[in-house]
Amino acid sequence: MNKIILVVIAYTIVVFSIISYYKINNYRMPFAKWWLGYKPEVKIKERIIIAFIIQIPLLIFILFKALD
């Protein structure tokens, strides 16, 4: 249960860091309303990069789970 809480916290940090990156650099937000999808003008390259960054906490969790 403790590890799940850490993964959820890691996901929130990643999502907020992506949002803050776009706001600090005055780029348009790639997410549609409520961050459930992408806007139509977002290129596939940007979608792949964002999707990979969002999956990093899961990869770290799986790596540490395999080492136990």
Protein backbone atom coordinates (compact mmCIF):
# COMPACT_ATOMS: atom_id res chain seq x y z
CA MET A 1 0.00 0.00 0.00
CA ASN A 2 2.87 2.34 0.79
CA LYS A 3 4.42 1.78 -2.66
CA ILE A 4 1.15 2.57 -4.39
CA ILE A 5 0.98 5.90 -2.60
CA LEU A 6 4.51 6.68 -3.77
CA VAL A 7 3.58 5.86 -7.37
CA VAL A 8 0.51 8.10 -7.20
CA ILE A 9 2.62 10.93 -5.77
CA ALA A 10 5.20 10.40 -8.52
CA TYR A 11 2.50 10.59 -11.20
CA THR A 12 1.12 13.83 -9.79
CA ILE A 13 4.61 15.34 -9.70
CA VAL A 14 5.21 14.33 -13.32
CA VAL A 15 1.89 15.70 -14.57
CA PHE A 16 2.31 18.97 -12.68
CA SER A 17 5.86 19.33 -13.97
CA ILE A 18 4.66 18.90 -17.57
CA ILE A 19 1.94 21.49 -17.04
CA SER A 20 4.33 23.92 -15.34
CA TYR A 21 6.90 23.48 -18.14
CA TYR A 22 4.35 24.58 -20.71
CA LYS A 23 3.11 27.49 -18.59
CA ILE A 24 6.58 28.79 -17.66
CA ASN A 25 7.79 28.75 -21.28
CA ASN A 26 4.51 30.25 -22.57
CA TYR A 27 3.75 27.32 -24.87
CA ARG A 28 0.22 26.27 -25.62
CA MET A 29 -1.10 23.47 -23.43
CA PRO A 30 -1.09 20.13 -25.29
CA PHE A 31 -3.91 18.68 -23.21
CA ALA A 32 -7.59 19.11 -23.85
CA LYS A 33 -10.04 19.94 -21.09
CA TRP A 34 -9.37 18.03 -17.83
CA TRP A 35 -6.12 16.57 -19.26
CA LEU A 36 -7.91 13.49 -20.62
CA GLY A 37 -6.70 13.87 -24.19
CA TYR A 38 -4.62 15.93 -26.56
CA LYS A 39 -5.69 18.93 -28.57
CA PRO A 40 -5.99 18.30 -32.32
CA GLU A 41 -3.02 20.52 -33.24
CA VAL A 42 -0.53 18.54 -31.11
CA LYS A 43 1.93 16.65 -33.30
CA ILE A 44 2.46 12.91 -32.91
CA LYS A 45 6.10 13.45 -31.87
CA GLU A 46 5.04 15.63 -28.95
CA ARG A 47 2.36 13.11 -27.95
CA ILE A 48 4.90 10.28 -27.86
CA ILE A 49 7.37 12.29 -25.78
CA ILE A 50 4.72 13.32 -23.25
CA ALA A 51 3.35 9.77 -23.05
CA PHE A 52 6.85 8.42 -22.36
CA ILE A 53 7.52 11.01 -19.66
CA ILE A 54 4.22 10.14 -17.98
CA GLN A 55 5.20 6.43 -17.92
CA ILE A 56 8.54 6.98 -16.14
CA PRO A 57 7.14 6.48 -12.58
CA LEU A 58 5.59 3.16 -13.64
CA LEU A 59 8.88 2.01 -15.16
CA ILE A 60 10.74 2.90 -11.97
CA PHE A 61 8.14 1.07 -9.88
CA ILE A 62 8.43 -2.07 -12.05
CA LEU A 63 12.23 -1.92 -11.94
CA PHE A 64 12.31 -1.74 -8.14
CA LYS A 65 9.65 -4.42 -7.86
CA ALA A 66 11.79 -6.73 -9.99
CA LEU A 67 14.83 -6.10 -7.80
CA ASP A 68 13.01 -7.12 -4.58
